[in-house]
Amino acid sequence: MGEPSAARRLARFALGLDLARVPPPAVERARLLVLDILGCSLAASSMDFGRAALATARALGGPPEATLIGGGGRAGAASAVLANATLAHGLDFDDTREDAIVHTGCVAVPAALAVAQATGAPGAAALGAVIVAVEVMCRVGLAVPGRLHARHFHPTAVTGAFAAAAAAGRLSGLDEDRLVNALGICGSQASGIIEYLADGTWTKRLHPGWAAHAGVIAALLAREGFTGPERVLEGAHGVYAALAGGHDETALERLLGTLGHEWEIERLTFKPYPCGSIAQPYMDCALRLRTAHGLAPDDVAEIRCRTAPGPVPRLWEPLAAKHRPPNGYAAKFSLPYLLAVVMVRGRASLAEFTDEAVRDEAVLRLASRVSYELDETIDYPRQFIGQVGVRLRDGRWLEARQDHPRGGADHPLTAAELEAKFRGNAGLVLPAPRIDDIVAEVAALGRAPDVSGLMEAVQ
């Protein structure tokens, strides 16, 4: 068979990771990721799509081994992660690994916590599983930057099952061969199209839920001896050939070679706004211009942005539809709406993405004056750049640029800011004393004998 397959090298890393040897900043990043994802999940649990996901998990049932976040009760681990990971991503408020354009925590955290709860694993094991899942998911995606989107697939949906299987396999005690089989099984479950962009329907929200569910199921099947292809990623008929039109072998080798030495979890971007991550540098630019120049909406004659070609089908076109998104979810992927709402309201919180909010005519009038031009020099997806120009009615031209999203390694959100974000999200459904309990449980997760206290607090 020649050199070990990518799946085997990922499996060896997943099973061999020693949390004590992981750099403390990476471990702390994992803890903050748990807190951030739990906040996003709790906020989503009372919303229509969240209630639908929780009801489905209850109907699927299974042994009462894993908590349904914000929903009360338990279900089988595979059923629980279907709901919990859908909640985690449903508000588009979760983290992103920029180059790969994958959302990691929405898969890694629900899968690790559910399987840790089901197996009685200690908190440190859950943190280790979160790290494993993030590292696996990032590398699977980073090998084909931009290629999955270009073929109309959602990268999180394609890569997520591998992450969940790595976390579940590690916590369930799979040996190397069985985990390789689990990863092989994931290849036949890797999917998720981006047609939701046309009408703002809910399928993107489901993608990490289904991926986490698929990964847990793959680990269960492999435990019972079910097999999957060894070269599931790089094979002639593998995921990269089928869904990405091929891959760069040198890049994949480099990514696999850094396992255990470089930590992608330290490169995640935590979101300050609940919407598409590519848009957020533009939003910061618009907000800075508004603040610095005291702009009112009627002062603005035109807003014009520079963009790489890659994001155009998701954030800009068809432009007429983006000027007037049909609902709150579609607005999260409309740069005209996103720029207009921060210029008009000075913020983009969850309240700006309700179906009622996106009918605000003051915002829509300004959105109609937003356009773009292509800039081939932007190295997307390696760069998420925001560049916004504003022409005022008095003839002045104002401009702002931001080279990286806020919340990433270049412009990090502090631990205090992330805790404040968690408290704001969790406060939509929980009383303050319960929120304090969750913060304390997450702070002590690495020393906890199990995750039962944390999961009880979030139900």
Foldseek 3Di string as FASTA:
>chain_A
DPDAALLLLLLCLLQPDDLVLDDPVLLVLLLLLLLLLLLQLLLQCPDDVLVVLVVQLVVVFDPQQFFQFNPDGGGQLLSSLLNSLLSSPQLQQAKAQQQLRAGQSSQQLSLLQRLLSNLLAALQLSSSLSQSLRLQLVLLRNQQGLQLVVLQWRSHLQRRLLSSLSSNCNSVVPDSQLSLFLNQQSQVRRTHGDPCLVAVDRRVSSRSSSSNSSNNVSSVCSVVPHGGDNNQRQDPCHNCVVRRVHGDPVSSVVSSVCSVPDGSSQFMFRDPARARQLLQQQQVFLLCVCVVVVDALQFFQAKEWEDAPSLCVQAPPPPVCLLQPQALSSVSRHNLLSSLCCNHPVDHYSVCRGRVNSVPVSSSVSSVRYYYDYDNVAPPSVWSKTKMWTQTPVGDIDIDIDTHHACGPVHNDDSVRSLVSSCVSNVVNDDPVLSVQLVVCSVCSSVGSGCVSNSVSRD
